[in-house]
């Protein structure tokens, strides 16, 4: 373990074990959309990419994103999120 030296421990073994490769750990896998906010509609463009349409929780304005929301609330920018959270 320490290369033949008695009484000494290799510093590598005193550290935390190495991290697993990405995707093998169950916690590193994608979150479930079960509790996420549902999009109003899904639009498919001419190039085949999906756009998810949501309604902002604070101002009620509709907005489009390329990625699906994984959270319980949808805000179109940080300002609306801050104002909603403040009150």
C-alpha atoms as a PDB file:
ATOM      1  CA  UNK A   1       0.000   0.000   0.000  1.00  0.00           C
ATOM      2  CA  UNK A   2       2.733   2.471   0.832  1.00  0.00           C
ATOM      3  CA  UNK A   3       5.406   1.117  -1.493  1.00  0.00           C
ATOM      4  CA  UNK A   4       7.212  -1.063   1.062  1.00  0.00           C
ATOM      5  CA  UNK A   5       7.662   1.529   3.823  1.00  0.00           C
ATOM      6  CA  UNK A   6       6.424   0.251   7.165  1.00  0.00           C
ATOM      7  CA  UNK A   7       4.387   2.498   9.418  1.00  0.00           C
ATOM      8  CA  UNK A   8       3.712   5.136   6.774  1.00  0.00           C
ATOM      9  CA  UNK A   9       0.495   5.461   4.822  1.00  0.00           C
ATOM     10  CA  UNK A  10       0.391   6.680   1.256  1.00  0.00           C
ATOM     11  CA  UNK A  11      -1.219  10.167   1.228  1.00  0.00           C
ATOM     12  CA  UNK A  12      -3.502   9.032  -1.612  1.00  0.00           C
ATOM     13  CA  UNK A  13      -5.360   6.704   0.742  1.00  0.00           C
ATOM     14  CA  UNK A  14      -5.919   9.449   3.318  1.00  0.00           C
ATOM     15  CA  UNK A  15      -8.014  11.432   0.836  1.00  0.00           C
ATOM     16  CA  UNK A  16     -11.604  10.814  -0.130  1.00  0.00           C
ATOM     17  CA  UNK A  17     -12.130   8.023  -2.648  1.00  0.00           C
ATOM     18  CA  UNK A  18     -12.092   9.121  -6.312  1.00  0.00           C
ATOM     19  CA  UNK A  19     -15.313  10.387  -7.851  1.00  0.00           C
ATOM     20  CA  UNK A  20     -17.321   8.048 -10.023  1.00  0.00           C
ATOM     21  CA  UNK A  21     -17.664   8.684 -13.711  1.00  0.00           C
ATOM     22  CA  UNK A  22     -20.560  10.910 -14.708  1.00  0.00           C
ATOM     23  CA  UNK A  23     -23.798   9.031 -15.237  1.00  0.00           C
ATOM     24  CA  UNK A  24     -22.933   6.017 -13.082  1.00  0.00           C
ATOM     25  CA  UNK A  25     -24.000   7.676  -9.824  1.00  0.00           C
ATOM     26  CA  UNK A  26     -27.816   7.623  -9.404  1.00  0.00           C
ATOM     27  CA  UNK A  27     -27.786  11.179  -7.992  1.00  0.00           C
ATOM     28  CA  UNK A  28     -26.062  12.564 -11.098  1.00  0.00           C
ATOM     29  CA  UNK A  29     -28.843  11.379 -13.399  1.00  0.00           C
ATOM     30  CA  UNK A  30     -31.470  13.753 -14.725  1.00  0.00           C
ATOM     31  CA  UNK A  31     -34.192  14.962 -12.378  1.00  0.00           C
ATOM     32  CA  UNK A  32     -37.754  13.810 -12.810  1.00  0.00           C
ATOM     33  CA  UNK A  33     -40.303  16.162 -14.339  1.00  0.00           C
ATOM     34  CA  UNK A  34     -43.018  14.808 -12.007  1.00  0.00           C
ATOM     35  CA  UNK A  35     -43.217  17.913  -9.781  1.00  0.00           C
ATOM     36  CA  UNK A  36     -42.147  20.403 -12.452  1.00  0.00           C
ATOM     37  CA  UNK A  37     -44.336  23.124 -13.913  1.00  0.00           C
ATOM     38  CA  UNK A  38     -46.091  21.938 -17.069  1.00  0.00           C
ATOM     39  CA  UNK A  39     -45.616  23.932 -20.295  1.00  0.00           C
ATOM     40  CA  UNK A  40     -48.672  25.596 -21.826  1.00  0.00           C
ATOM     41  CA  UNK A  41     -47.720  24.159 -25.205  1.00  0.00           C
ATOM     42  CA  UNK A  42     -44.758  22.745 -27.094  1.00  0.00           C
ATOM     43  CA  UNK A  43     -43.923  24.278 -30.468  1.00  0.00           C
ATOM     44  CA  UNK A  44     -41.736  22.566 -33.045  1.00  0.00           C
ATOM     45  CA  UNK A  45     -39.815  24.873 -35.370  1.00  0.00           C
ATOM     46  CA  UNK A  46     -38.902  24.386 -39.032  1.00  0.00           C
ATOM     47  CA  UNK A  47     -35.499  23.014 -38.002  1.00  0.00           C
ATOM     48  CA  UNK A  48     -37.138  20.381 -35.765  1.00  0.00           C
ATOM     49  CA  UNK A  49     -36.164  21.973 -32.435  1.00  0.00           C
ATOM     50  CA  UNK A  50     -38.719  22.146 -29.647  1.00  0.00           C
ATOM     51  CA  UNK A  51     -39.702  25.385 -27.905  1.00  0.00           C
ATOM     52  CA  UNK A  52     -41.483  25.138 -24.565  1.00  0.00           C
ATOM     53  CA  UNK A  53     -43.987  27.909 -23.819  1.00  0.00           C
ATOM     54  CA  UNK A  54     -44.574  28.862 -20.175  1.00  0.00           C
ATOM     55  CA  UNK A  55     -46.473  31.587 -18.323  1.00  0.00           C
ATOM     56  CA  UNK A  56     -44.491  33.687 -15.825  1.00  0.00           C
ATOM     57  CA  UNK A  57     -45.705  33.205 -12.235  1.00  0.00           C
ATOM     58  CA  UNK A  58     -45.224  36.893 -11.381  1.00  0.00           C
ATOM     59  CA  UNK A  59     -46.297  38.983 -14.375  1.00  0.00           C
ATOM     60  CA  UNK A  60     -48.334  36.440 -16.372  1.00  0.00           C
ATOM     61  CA  UNK A  61     -46.388  37.026 -19.589  1.00  0.00           C
ATOM     62  CA  UNK A  62     -45.864  34.053 -21.906  1.00  0.00           C
ATOM     63  CA  UNK A  63     -42.282  33.169 -22.830  1.00  0.00           C
ATOM     64  CA  UNK A  64     -40.463  30.468 -24.784  1.00  0.00           C
ATOM     65  CA  UNK A  65     -37.382  28.467 -23.813  1.00  0.00           C
ATOM     66  CA  UNK A  66     -35.291  25.777 -25.478  1.00  0.00           C
ATOM     67  CA  UNK A  67     -35.050  23.696 -22.305  1.00  0.00           C
ATOM     68  CA  UNK A  68     -37.815  22.208 -20.224  1.00  0.00           C
ATOM     69  CA  UNK A  69     -38.227  23.618 -16.700  1.00  0.00           C
ATOM     70  CA  UNK A  70     -37.403  21.230 -13.848  1.00  0.00           C
ATOM     71  CA  UNK A  71     -38.679  23.488 -11.066  1.00  0.00           C
ATOM     72  CA  UNK A  72     -42.137  24.031  -9.588  1.00  0.00           C
ATOM     73  CA  UNK A  73     -42.347  27.649 -10.759  1.00  0.00           C
ATOM     74  CA  UNK A  74     -41.579  29.370 -14.058  1.00  0.00           C
ATOM     75  CA  UNK A  75     -40.224  32.925 -14.334  1.00  0.00           C
ATOM     76  CA  UNK A  76     -39.025  34.577 -17.507  1.00  0.00           C
ATOM     77  CA  UNK A  77     -36.127  36.410 -15.840  1.00  0.00           C
ATOM     78  CA  UNK A  78     -34.416  36.901 -12.485  1.00  0.00           C
ATOM     79  CA  UNK A  79     -36.154  40.232 -11.883  1.00  0.00           C
ATOM     80  CA  UNK A  80     -39.624  38.638 -11.884  1.00  0.00           C
ATOM     81  CA  UNK A  81     -38.360  35.828  -9.701  1.00  0.00           C
ATOM     82  CA  UNK A  82     -36.952  38.326  -7.187  1.00  0.00           C
ATOM     83  CA  UNK A  83     -40.138  40.397  -7.110  1.00  0.00           C
ATOM     84  CA  UNK A  84     -42.303  37.287  -6.653  1.00  0.00           C
ATOM     85  CA  UNK A  85     -40.068  35.984  -3.890  1.00  0.00           C
ATOM     86  CA  UNK A  86     -39.973  39.360  -2.133  1.00  0.00           C
ATOM     87  CA  UNK A  87     -43.728  39.369  -1.586  1.00  0.00           C
END
